Amino acid sequence: MCRRSESRTSRSTPIPGASELVIPDDMATTSEPSLNAFVEALGFALDPWQRAINRLALAKRADGLWAARNVDMSIPRQTGKTFTAGFIPFHRCIRNPRFTAIWTTHHFSVTQDTFQTLRDIALMDEMNPFIDPDHGIHSAAGKEAIYFRNGSRIAFKARENGAIRGFKKVGLLVLDEAQHLTDSALASVLPTQNRADNPQTWYMGTPPGPDQQGDVFARHRANALAGRSARTLYVEFSAERGTDPLDRNQWMRANPSYPQHTSDESILNLYEELAPDDFRRECLGIWDDVTFHSAIDPDAWAAGIVERRAATPNGWTAIGVDMPPDRSSLAIGACRAWPDGMAHVELAMFRDTRQHGTAWAVDWITQRWPRMAAVVIDAQSPATVLVPDLKRRGVQVTLTGPTDMGQAVGRFQDMLRDRRLAHLTQAPLDMAVGGCTLRHIGQSGAMGWNKLGSDVDISPLVAVTLALHGAMTSRRRPGQTQRMIRLA
C-alpha cells in the first residue's frame, strides 16, 4: 500500500482550473503515485485537480530534496483543501520512522475540527497496522495527536501561546488558515524545522481581509507571482475580479469541487450570511487589489527628488523611528515642515542593529530632542524598546496607533501626489519605497505600509512617514529657525 514508487514529472504539469500557478524549479521525480495508491487503498479517490496539486507539491529534485520547500495554496472555503492535503502527513509518517508532522490553525475550534477529520482516517481498519497500539490517538484538548508504530506522529496545534515552540525536527508543517498568520507566529513555528531532514511547509488559506493579520500570506503570494521564490509551489483558485457573485460559472472557476462535491445550497448559504467583500474573498478567492500592487507611484517619487530644499525660514523638524519585525536594523527619519504646507523628508540614520545595537539611537535622539517638534514611534513597532530609555532621558515620545498610522500613510501619499513633499535620493529609502505595498488597518478603510517581498526592509519609509506625521500634527515649536535639516 505504501510502496516507494516515483515517476517522472515536468514543469508543464497543469493544475486543472487554477487561476494562478507558479511551479518550482528543478523538478525531477514525484512521489504522488505512491500517495495516490495509499489513498485508494483506504477506499478514497482524489479528484484530478487534487492529484495535480499533490503531484507538484511532492516533486523532488535530482538530489532528493523537495523541489517545493514551501507549498502555498490560496483556495476558497468549501473546496476540500483538508481532504487534498490530509493524507500527506499519514503517508509521510508511515514511510519515515520517527517523523513529526504538525498541522496548525489560528483558531482552536478549527484545530479540533481538522483533528476529528483526520482521526476518522486513523481509526479505519486499514490503518491498524500503522497506528501505535499503546499511544494510539490522543483526543485531550490541546494535546490532540496521532501516534504511529514506527515512532512517527501527527500533532494538531492552534497557533497561540507558543504551543509549538517545544517541538523539534518537524519534517512537515501545515499552516492552515494562513490568512491569519502573523510574522511573530511564523517566527515561533519555523525554527521547529531547523534540524529536520528535508522539511516542507504548507501554507493554506483564503485571501486575507482588512481585519486579519495576513501579511505573511500576502508576502508569499507577491514573491511567488513576482518570480522571487524558486523553491515555492503557488496555487490559486479564484473567480474573475468584478464578477457577478451569483454567476455559477465563476463559482466553478473559484471552487474546483463545485458542483460535484460542494452544493449550490452550501455556497448560497455563505452568500446570504457573509458580507459582500467577505464572500468575494472567502468563497470566490479574489484578493484585494491593494495587497499586491505597488503603493507609491515611481514617477511621483522621482518628481519629489531634491538636492536640498530651498532656504525657507520658520520651519520645524520632527523625527520618526522604526525597526523591522526581525529587529535587524533601526531607521530614524526626519521631516522639516513649513507654514506654507510644504515638507521635506529624509533618512537621518540607518544602522544594522546586529553590529551596532540600539543604545546609540537613544543618545542620538536625546541630544537632538531640544530642537525637535516631535519624536514619533508606532506602538506596534519593535522600536518601542527605546521608549523607556528615551523617557528616562527626558524625551517626550509620541506613540501612534492604527488610526494615526492610517492618517500618516494617507497624508504621505496625498502630499507626494500634490508635489508638497520633497525628499533626498537615499538608497535605503528608495529601496523601501520601491518594495512597499499597502495593507488594511482595522475595518475603517485605513491603509498602512506593507512590504512586497520578504527581503525588503520598509523601516526607512515607515520612519520618514512617522516623522512627517509628527511634523504636521505636533504643536511643539522649539523656536528653531534653521533653513534646512541639520541633524548630523
Protein backbone atom coordinates (compact mmCIF):
# COMPACT_ATOMS: atom_id res chain seq x y z
CA MET A 1 0.00 0.00 0.00
CA CYS A 2 2.88 2.38 0.69
CA ARG A 3 5.34 1.33 -1.96
CA ARG A 4 8.08 3.84 -2.74
CA SER A 5 7.15 4.40 -6.35
CA GLU A 6 8.15 7.63 -8.07
CA SER A 7 7.55 8.83 -11.61
CA ARG A 8 8.98 11.48 -13.87
CA THR A 9 7.36 14.92 -13.86
CA SER A 10 7.84 18.15 -15.80
CA ARG A 11 7.35 21.90 -15.41
CA SER A 12 4.44 21.76 -17.85
CA THR A 13 2.27 19.72 -15.47
CA PRO A 14 -1.01 21.69 -15.18
CA ILE A 15 -3.45 22.01 -12.32
CA PRO A 16 -6.96 21.99 -13.81
CA GLY A 17 -8.81 25.23 -13.11
CA ALA A 18 -6.02 27.08 -11.25
CA SER A 19 -6.17 30.83 -11.91
CA GLU A 20 -2.57 31.36 -10.77
CA LEU A 21 0.14 28.72 -10.81
CA VAL A 22 3.84 29.11 -10.05
CA ILE A 23 5.84 25.89 -10.35
CA PRO A 24 9.16 25.29 -8.55
CA ASP A 25 12.42 24.79 -10.40
CA ASP A 26 14.35 21.57 -10.95
CA MET A 27 11.59 19.01 -10.54
CA ALA A 28 12.84 15.52 -11.40
CA THR A 29 10.54 12.94 -9.75
CA THR A 30 7.36 12.89 -7.71
CA SER A 31 6.07 10.55 -5.01
CA GLU A 32 2.43 11.42 -5.80
CA PRO A 33 1.71 7.99 -7.36
CA SER A 34 2.71 6.37 -4.07
CA LEU A 35 0.46 8.79 -2.16
CA ASN A 36 -2.44 8.11 -4.52
CA ALA A 37 -2.01 4.34 -4.13
CA PHE A 38 -2.20 4.85 -0.36
CA VAL A 39 -5.37 6.94 -0.70
CA GLU A 40 -7.03 4.37 -2.97
CA ALA A 41 -6.07 1.53 -0.63
CA LEU A 42 -8.07 3.32 2.05
CA GLY A 43 -11.08 3.42 -0.27
CA PHE A 44 -10.90 7.11 -1.20
CA ALA A 45 -10.42 8.87 -4.53
CA LEU A 46 -8.88 12.28 -5.12
CA ASP A 47 -10.15 14.49 -7.94
CA PRO A 48 -7.82 15.28 -10.87
CA TRP A 49 -7.12 18.80 -9.57
CA GLN A 50 -6.19 17.43 -6.16
CA ARG A 51 -3.86 14.85 -7.66
CA ALA A 52 -2.28 17.56 -9.82
CA ILE A 53 -1.54 19.74 -6.78
CA ASN A 54 0.00 16.80 -4.93
CA ARG A 55 2.00 15.78 -7.99
CA LEU A 56 3.76 19.14 -7.97
CA ALA A 57 3.90 19.51 -4.17
CA LEU A 58 5.58 16.10 -3.81
CA ALA A 59 8.06 16.66 -6.63
CA LYS A 60 11.73 16.21 -5.78
CA ARG A 61 14.92 17.48 -7.32
CA ALA A 62 17.63 15.17 -8.58
CA ASP A 63 19.39 15.43 -5.21
CA GLY A 64 16.28 14.11 -3.42
CA LEU A 65 15.23 17.41 -1.80
CA TRP A 66 11.73 18.78 -2.23
CA ALA A 67 11.52 20.99 -5.30
CA ALA A 68 8.87 22.97 -3.40
CA ARG A 69 10.29 23.76 0.03
CA ASN A 70 7.12 25.83 0.50
CA VAL A 71 3.67 24.96 -0.83
CA ASP A 72 1.24 27.90 -0.90
CA MET A 73 -2.44 27.39 -1.65
CA SER A 74 -4.92 30.25 -1.87
CA ILE A 75 -8.21 28.42 -2.13
CA PRO A 76 -11.80 29.34 -1.16
CA ARG A 77 -13.89 27.75 1.54
CA GLN A 78 -15.84 24.56 0.90
CA THR A 79 -13.32 23.18 -1.62
CA GLY A 80 -11.96 20.25 0.33
CA LYS A 81 -8.45 21.57 0.97
CA THR A 82 -8.17 19.47 4.15
CA PHE A 83 -9.06 16.38 2.11
CA THR A 84 -6.49 17.40 -0.53
CA ALA A 85 -3.59 17.66 1.91
CA GLY A 86 -4.87 15.47 4.74
CA PHE A 87 -3.44 12.17 3.53
CA ILE A 88 0.06 13.59 3.13
CA PRO A 89 1.05 13.60 6.85
CA PHE A 90 -0.17 9.98 7.16
CA HIS A 91 1.78 8.93 4.09
CA ARG A 92 4.93 10.68 5.21
CA CYS A 93 4.75 9.39 8.78
CA ILE A 94 4.31 5.79 7.62
CA ARG A 95 7.18 5.99 5.14
CA ASN A 96 9.62 7.73 7.51
CA PRO A 97 10.25 6.37 11.03
CA ARG A 98 10.30 8.90 13.88
CA PHE A 99 8.86 11.57 11.60
CA THR A 100 6.99 14.55 13.09
CA ALA A 101 4.23 16.38 11.25
CA ILE A 102 2.31 19.32 12.75
CA TRP A 103 -0.99 20.68 11.49
CA THR A 104 -1.63 24.18 12.86
CA THR A 105 -4.57 26.56 12.65
CA HIS A 106 -5.31 30.00 14.00
CA HIS A 107 -8.47 29.06 15.86
CA PHE A 108 -8.65 26.22 18.38
CA SER A 109 -12.09 25.17 17.11
CA VAL A 110 -10.68 24.68 13.61
CA THR A 111 -7.82 22.63 15.07
CA GLN A 112 -10.35 20.33 16.71
CA ASP A 113 -12.40 20.01 13.50
CA THR A 114 -9.31 19.10 11.48
CA PHE A 115 -8.19 16.61 14.11
CA GLN A 116 -11.58 14.92 14.10
CA THR A 117 -11.49 14.63 10.31
CA LEU A 118 -8.04 13.04 10.26
CA ARG A 119 -8.75 10.96 13.35
CA ASP A 120 -11.51 9.23 11.39
CA ILE A 121 -8.88 8.15 8.86
CA ALA A 122 -6.61 6.87 11.65
CA LEU A 123 -9.48 4.80 13.06
CA MET A 124 -10.02 2.88 9.81
CA ASP A 125 -9.29 -0.84 9.90
CA GLU A 126 -6.76 -0.40 7.09
CA MET A 127 -4.70 1.85 9.39
CA ASN A 128 -4.41 -0.68 12.23
CA PRO A 129 -1.01 -2.00 11.06
CA PHE A 130 0.43 1.52 11.33
CA ILE A 131 -1.16 3.13 14.40
CA ASP A 132 0.67 2.67 17.72
CA PRO A 133 -1.46 0.28 19.84
CA ASP A 134 -0.24 1.80 23.11
CA HIS A 135 -0.24 5.54 22.45
CA GLY A 136 -2.70 5.47 19.55
CA ILE A 137 -4.80 8.62 19.32
CA HIS A 138 -4.77 11.40 21.89
CA SER A 139 -8.01 13.41 21.95
CA ALA A 140 -7.44 15.59 25.02
CA ALA A 141 -7.98 19.29 24.27
CA GLY A 142 -4.72 20.95 23.33
CA LYS A 143 -2.90 17.60 23.12
CA GLU A 144 -4.56 16.12 20.03
CA ALA A 145 -2.16 13.78 18.23
CA ILE A 146 -1.93 10.55 16.24
CA TYR A 147 0.97 8.19 17.02
CA PHE A 148 2.43 5.51 14.74
CA ARG A 149 4.16 2.21 15.47
CA ASN A 150 7.41 3.44 13.88
CA GLY A 151 7.71 6.37 16.28
CA SER A 152 6.19 8.99 13.96
CA ARG A 153 3.40 11.34 14.99
CA ILE A 154 0.97 13.95 13.72
CA ALA A 155 0.30 16.75 16.23
CA PHE A 156 -2.53 19.26 15.98
CA LYS A 157 -1.95 22.69 17.47
CA ALA A 158 -3.52 26.13 17.45
CA ARG A 159 -1.01 28.94 16.90
CA GLU A 160 -1.39 30.57 20.29
CA ASN A 161 0.65 30.97 23.43
CA GLY A 162 3.74 29.44 21.83
CA ALA A 163 2.13 25.98 21.74
CA ILE A 164 4.56 24.73 19.05
CA ARG A 165 7.83 26.05 20.46
CA GLY A 166 8.77 22.79 22.17
CA PHE A 167 8.76 20.69 19.00
CA LYS A 168 11.98 19.77 17.17
CA LYS A 169 12.83 18.30 13.78
CA VAL A 170 9.38 18.90 12.32
CA GLY A 171 9.53 17.41 8.84
CA LEU A 172 6.09 18.61 7.68
CA LEU A 173 4.47 21.81 8.92
CA VAL A 174 0.96 22.60 7.69
CA LEU A 175 -0.06 26.20 8.39
CA ASP A 176 -3.82 26.18 7.86
CA GLU A 177 -5.82 29.43 8.00
CA ALA A 178 -2.75 31.18 6.56
CA GLN A 179 -4.78 34.37 6.14
CA HIS A 180 -4.39 34.85 9.91
CA LEU A 181 -0.67 34.02 10.06
CA THR A 182 1.45 36.79 11.57
CA ASP A 183 5.19 37.32 11.36
CA SER A 184 5.50 36.73 15.09
CA ALA A 185 3.60 33.43 14.86
CA LEU A 186 5.73 32.36 11.91
CA ALA A 187 8.90 33.21 13.83
CA SER A 188 7.79 30.89 16.63
CA VAL A 189 6.98 27.88 14.42
CA LEU A 190 9.56 27.85 11.62
CA PRO A 191 12.55 27.16 13.92
CA THR A 192 10.94 23.79 14.74
CA GLN A 193 12.07 22.67 11.28
CA ASN A 194 15.70 23.77 11.56
CA ARG A 195 17.12 20.32 12.32
CA ALA A 196 14.69 18.30 10.21
CA ASP A 197 15.89 16.31 7.21
CA ASN A 198 14.40 17.81 4.03
CA PRO A 199 11.48 19.65 5.70
CA GLN A 200 8.48 21.09 3.89
CA THR A 201 5.99 23.80 4.88
CA TRP A 202 2.45 24.15 3.56
CA TYR A 203 0.53 27.44 3.73
CA MET A 204 -3.21 27.12 3.06
CA GLY A 205 -5.86 29.81 3.33
CA THR A 206 -8.18 32.33 1.73
CA PRO A 207 -7.32 35.92 0.74
CA PRO A 208 -6.92 37.93 3.97
CA GLY A 209 -9.45 40.61 4.87
CA PRO A 210 -8.88 44.03 6.47
CA ASP A 211 -9.42 42.63 9.97
CA GLN A 212 -6.88 39.84 9.54
CA GLN A 213 -3.10 39.86 10.00
CA GLY A 214 -2.43 38.44 6.55
CA ASP A 215 0.99 39.97 5.88
CA VAL A 216 2.81 36.63 5.67
CA PHE A 217 0.36 35.04 3.23
CA ALA A 218 0.20 38.20 1.08
CA ARG A 219 4.01 38.37 1.01
CA HIS A 220 4.26 34.75 -0.08
CA ARG A 221 1.81 35.43 -2.89
CA ALA A 222 3.63 38.57 -4.02
CA ASN A 223 7.01 36.81 -4.01
CA ALA A 224 5.67 33.86 -5.99
CA LEU A 225 3.92 35.96 -8.63
CA ALA A 226 7.00 38.17 -9.00
CA GLY A 227 9.22 35.14 -9.59
CA ARG A 228 11.23 35.59 -6.40
CA SER A 229 10.56 32.10 -4.99
CA ALA A 230 12.39 29.37 -6.90
CA ARG A 231 11.51 26.67 -4.33
CA THR A 232 7.83 27.52 -3.95
CA LEU A 233 4.71 25.98 -5.44
CA TYR A 234 1.97 28.61 -5.52
CA VAL A 235 -1.58 27.57 -6.46
CA GLU A 236 -4.53 29.93 -6.51
CA PHE A 237 -8.17 29.30 -7.35
CA SER A 238 -10.28 32.42 -7.83
CA ALA A 239 -13.15 33.90 -9.78
CA GLU A 240 -12.61 36.82 -12.12
CA ARG A 241 -12.37 40.23 -10.47
CA GLY A 242 -15.62 42.22 -10.65
CA THR A 243 -17.73 39.18 -11.44
CA ASP A 244 -21.40 38.67 -10.56
CA PRO A 245 -21.22 36.90 -7.16
CA LEU A 246 -24.09 34.60 -8.19
CA ASP A 247 -22.55 33.51 -11.50
CA ARG A 248 -22.34 29.71 -11.25
CA ASN A 249 -19.60 29.58 -13.89
CA GLN A 250 -17.48 31.78 -11.62
CA TRP A 251 -18.26 29.52 -8.67
CA MET A 252 -16.91 26.64 -10.71
CA ARG A 253 -13.80 28.67 -11.60
CA ALA A 254 -13.12 29.52 -7.96
CA ASN A 255 -14.17 26.22 -6.42
CA PRO A 256 -12.89 23.10 -8.23
CA SER A 257 -15.13 20.91 -6.04
CA TYR A 258 -18.31 22.63 -7.28
CA PRO A 259 -20.80 21.24 -8.17
CA GLN A 260 -19.65 17.61 -7.73
CA HIS A 261 -18.83 17.83 -4.02
CA THR A 262 -19.91 21.33 -2.98
CA SER A 263 -23.60 22.08 -3.50
CA ASP A 264 -25.43 25.20 -4.60
CA GLU A 265 -27.06 25.29 -1.18
CA SER A 266 -23.71 25.43 0.62
CA ILE A 267 -22.41 28.38 -1.37
CA LEU A 268 -25.77 30.20 -1.35
CA ASN A 269 -25.86 29.89 2.43
CA LEU A 270 -22.45 31.60 2.65
CA TYR A 271 -23.61 34.26 0.18
CA GLU A 272 -26.59 35.06 2.40
CA GLU A 273 -24.62 35.01 5.65
CA LEU A 274 -21.39 36.81 4.70
CA ALA A 275 -20.83 40.46 3.87
CA PRO A 276 -20.23 41.00 0.12
CA ASP A 277 -16.48 41.63 0.49
CA ASP A 278 -16.10 38.61 2.76
CA PHE A 279 -17.95 36.42 0.25
CA ARG A 280 -15.67 37.72 -2.51
CA ARG A 281 -12.57 36.73 -0.55
CA GLU A 282 -13.76 33.61 1.29
CA CYS A 283 -15.86 31.96 -1.43
CA LEU A 284 -14.65 33.45 -4.72
CA GLY A 285 -10.98 33.59 -3.74
CA ILE A 286 -10.49 37.14 -5.04
CA TRP A 287 -7.62 39.07 -3.44
CA ASP A 288 -7.89 42.77 -2.63
CA ASP A 289 -6.05 44.92 -5.18
CA VAL A 290 -4.00 46.69 -2.54
CA THR A 291 -2.38 43.53 -1.23
CA PHE A 292 -0.12 43.16 -4.25
CA HIS A 293 0.08 46.47 -6.11
CA SER A 294 2.92 48.93 -5.56
CA ALA A 295 1.81 51.63 -3.15
CA ILE A 296 3.92 54.58 -4.35
CA ASP A 297 3.95 55.78 -7.95
CA PRO A 298 7.62 55.73 -9.10
CA ASP A 299 7.06 58.87 -11.21
CA ALA A 300 5.59 60.77 -8.26
CA TRP A 301 8.50 59.66 -6.08
CA ALA A 302 11.04 60.72 -8.70
CA ALA A 303 9.32 64.10 -9.08
CA GLY A 304 9.89 64.82 -5.39
CA ILE A 305 13.69 64.43 -5.51
CA VAL A 306 15.73 67.50 -4.48
CA GLU A 307 19.36 68.02 -3.59
CA ARG A 308 18.30 70.12 -0.61
CA ARG A 309 15.15 72.15 -0.10
CA ALA A 310 15.47 75.83 -0.94
CA ALA A 311 16.18 78.08 2.04
CA THR A 312 12.91 78.97 3.77
CA PRO A 313 12.74 80.29 7.34
CA ASN A 314 10.33 79.47 10.15
CA GLY A 315 10.33 75.69 9.75
CA TRP A 316 10.36 72.97 12.36
CA THR A 317 11.70 69.40 12.45
CA ALA A 318 10.32 66.08 13.73
CA ILE A 319 11.80 62.61 13.71
CA GLY A 320 10.30 59.13 13.43
CA VAL A 321 11.84 55.81 14.46
CA ASP A 322 11.14 52.29 13.22
CA MET A 323 12.55 48.76 13.18
CA PRO A 324 11.52 45.78 11.01
CA PRO A 325 9.90 42.75 12.69
CA ASP A 326 13.21 40.86 12.82
CA ARG A 327 14.87 43.85 14.58
CA SER A 328 17.82 43.66 12.19
CA SER A 329 18.03 47.40 11.58
CA LEU A 330 16.99 50.71 13.06
CA ALA A 331 15.86 53.66 10.95
CA ILE A 332 15.49 57.28 12.04
CA GLY A 333 13.61 59.51 9.63
CA ALA A 334 13.50 63.30 9.72
CA CYS A 335 10.92 65.74 8.40
CA ARG A 336 11.26 69.50 8.04
CA ALA A 337 7.90 71.25 7.67
CA TRP A 338 6.96 74.88 6.91
CA PRO A 339 3.90 77.08 7.46
CA ASP A 340 3.14 77.05 3.72
CA GLY A 341 2.25 73.34 3.96
CA MET A 342 5.41 72.06 2.29
CA ALA A 343 7.62 69.39 3.85
CA HIS A 344 10.94 67.66 3.23
CA VAL A 345 11.76 64.12 4.46
CA GLU A 346 14.99 62.20 4.57
CA LEU A 347 16.58 59.20 6.27
CA ALA A 348 18.71 60.70 9.03
CA MET A 349 20.23 57.46 10.37
CA PHE A 350 20.04 53.81 9.33
CA ARG A 351 22.14 51.14 11.07
CA ASP A 352 22.43 47.38 11.32
CA THR A 353 21.47 46.52 14.90
CA ARG A 354 23.39 43.25 14.75
CA GLN A 355 26.59 45.27 14.51
CA HIS A 356 25.71 48.47 16.31
CA GLY A 357 22.91 47.58 18.72
CA THR A 358 20.33 50.22 19.64
CA ALA A 359 21.83 52.23 22.52
CA TRP A 360 23.37 54.70 20.08
CA ALA A 361 19.87 55.73 18.94
CA VAL A 362 18.86 56.78 22.45
CA ASP A 363 21.93 59.02 22.72
CA TRP A 364 21.43 60.40 19.20
CA ILE A 365 17.76 61.28 19.76
CA THR A 366 18.32 62.68 23.26
CA GLN A 367 20.96 65.10 22.01
CA ARG A 368 18.59 66.49 19.37
CA TRP A 369 15.33 66.42 21.33
CA PRO A 370 15.54 70.09 22.49
CA ARG A 371 15.37 71.15 18.82
CA MET A 372 12.63 68.72 17.77
CA ALA A 373 8.90 69.29 17.36
CA ALA A 374 8.20 65.59 17.95
CA VAL A 375 9.72 62.14 18.30
CA VAL A 376 7.28 59.55 16.92
CA ILE A 377 7.29 55.73 17.23
CA ASP A 378 4.43 53.44 16.26
CA ALA A 379 3.04 51.50 19.22
CA GLN A 380 3.23 48.22 17.26
CA SER A 381 6.85 48.69 16.19
CA PRO A 382 9.78 46.81 17.76
CA ALA A 383 11.33 50.29 18.09
CA THR A 384 9.18 50.78 21.20
CA VAL A 385 12.05 49.06 23.02
CA LEU A 386 13.68 52.52 23.01
CA VAL A 387 10.77 54.28 24.70
CA PRO A 388 11.62 53.62 28.40
CA ASP A 389 15.22 54.82 27.97
CA LEU A 390 14.13 57.86 25.98
CA LYS A 391 11.59 58.83 28.62
CA ARG A 392 14.20 58.46 31.35
CA ARG A 393 16.35 60.89 29.38
CA GLY A 394 13.53 63.45 29.23
CA VAL A 395 12.41 62.82 25.64
CA GLN A 396 8.65 63.08 25.05
CA VAL A 397 7.79 60.20 22.73
CA THR A 398 4.58 60.24 20.72
CA LEU A 399 3.22 56.69 20.27
CA THR A 400 0.90 56.23 17.30
CA GLY A 401 -1.96 53.75 16.99
CA PRO A 402 -3.70 52.23 13.96
CA THR A 403 -5.76 55.35 13.25
CA ASP A 404 -2.68 57.57 13.41
CA MET A 405 -0.75 55.27 11.07
CA GLY A 406 -3.61 55.25 8.58
CA GLN A 407 -3.69 59.05 8.62
CA ALA A 408 0.09 59.26 8.33
CA VAL A 409 0.24 56.99 5.27
CA GLY A 410 -2.68 58.82 3.65
CA ARG A 411 -1.03 62.19 4.27
CA PHE A 412 2.27 60.95 2.85
CA GLN A 413 0.57 59.77 -0.36
CA ASP A 414 -1.52 62.93 -0.73
CA MET A 415 1.40 65.30 -0.23
CA LEU A 416 3.60 63.33 -2.62
CA ARG A 417 0.86 63.38 -5.26
CA ASP A 418 0.29 67.12 -4.79
CA ARG A 419 4.02 67.92 -5.05
CA ARG A 420 4.13 69.22 -1.48
CA LEU A 421 6.59 66.58 -0.25
CA ALA A 422 10.27 66.62 -1.21
CA HIS A 423 12.99 64.10 -0.38
CA LEU A 424 16.63 63.24 -0.97
CA THR A 425 17.91 60.35 -3.08
CA GLN A 426 18.97 57.76 -0.48
CA ALA A 427 19.37 54.10 -1.38
CA PRO A 428 17.72 52.51 1.71
CA LEU A 429 14.73 54.84 1.45
CA ASP A 430 14.41 54.38 -2.31
CA MET A 431 14.53 50.60 -1.90
CA ALA A 432 11.83 50.73 0.77
CA VAL A 433 9.61 52.86 -1.46
CA GLY A 434 10.12 50.51 -4.41
CA GLY A 435 9.34 47.43 -2.31
CA CYS A 436 6.27 48.60 -0.41
CA THR A 437 2.61 47.87 -0.87
CA LEU A 438 -0.45 48.56 1.26
CA ARG A 439 -2.37 46.65 3.89
CA HIS A 440 -5.68 47.27 5.61
CA ILE A 441 -5.63 48.62 9.16
CA GLY A 442 -8.73 47.67 11.10
CA GLN A 443 -12.14 47.91 9.45
CA SER A 444 -12.35 51.66 8.83
CA GLY A 445 -10.74 51.58 5.39
CA ALA A 446 -7.41 52.99 6.63
CA MET A 447 -4.24 51.70 4.97
CA GLY A 448 -0.70 51.12 6.21
CA TRP A 449 2.60 50.32 4.55
CA ASN A 450 3.45 46.67 3.94
CA LYS A 451 6.50 45.07 2.37
CA LEU A 452 6.13 43.50 -1.06
CA GLY A 453 8.82 40.85 -0.56
CA SER A 454 10.46 39.04 2.33
CA ASP A 455 13.84 40.62 1.52
CA VAL A 456 12.52 44.20 1.70
CA ASP A 457 13.10 46.43 4.72
CA ILE A 458 10.49 49.19 4.71
CA SER A 459 11.52 50.65 8.08
CA PRO A 460 13.16 53.70 6.38
CA LEU A 461 9.82 54.54 4.71
CA VAL A 462 7.89 53.98 7.95
CA ALA A 463 10.36 56.19 9.82
CA VAL A 464 10.02 59.17 7.47
CA THR A 465 6.24 58.69 7.37
CA LEU A 466 6.11 58.91 11.16
CA ALA A 467 8.41 61.95 11.06
CA LEU A 468 6.04 63.65 8.61
CA HIS A 469 3.10 62.78 10.86
CA GLY A 470 4.87 64.31 13.85
CA ALA A 471 5.82 67.46 11.99
CA MET A 472 2.29 68.02 10.68
CA THR A 473 0.42 67.25 13.92
CA SER A 474 2.67 68.41 16.78
CA ARG A 475 2.12 71.85 18.31
CA ARG A 476 5.58 71.94 19.84
CA ARG A 477 7.77 74.65 18.29
CA PRO A 478 11.24 74.83 19.85
CA GLY A 479 11.90 78.20 18.18
CA GLN A 480 14.30 76.73 15.64
CA THR A 481 14.89 78.86 12.55
CA GLN A 482 17.32 76.69 10.58
CA ARG A 483 16.55 76.70 6.89
CA MET A 484 17.23 73.03 6.30
CA ILE A 485 17.50 69.78 8.15
CA ARG A 486 20.75 69.66 10.12
CA LEU A 487 20.85 66.57 12.28
CA ALA A 488 24.49 65.50 11.96
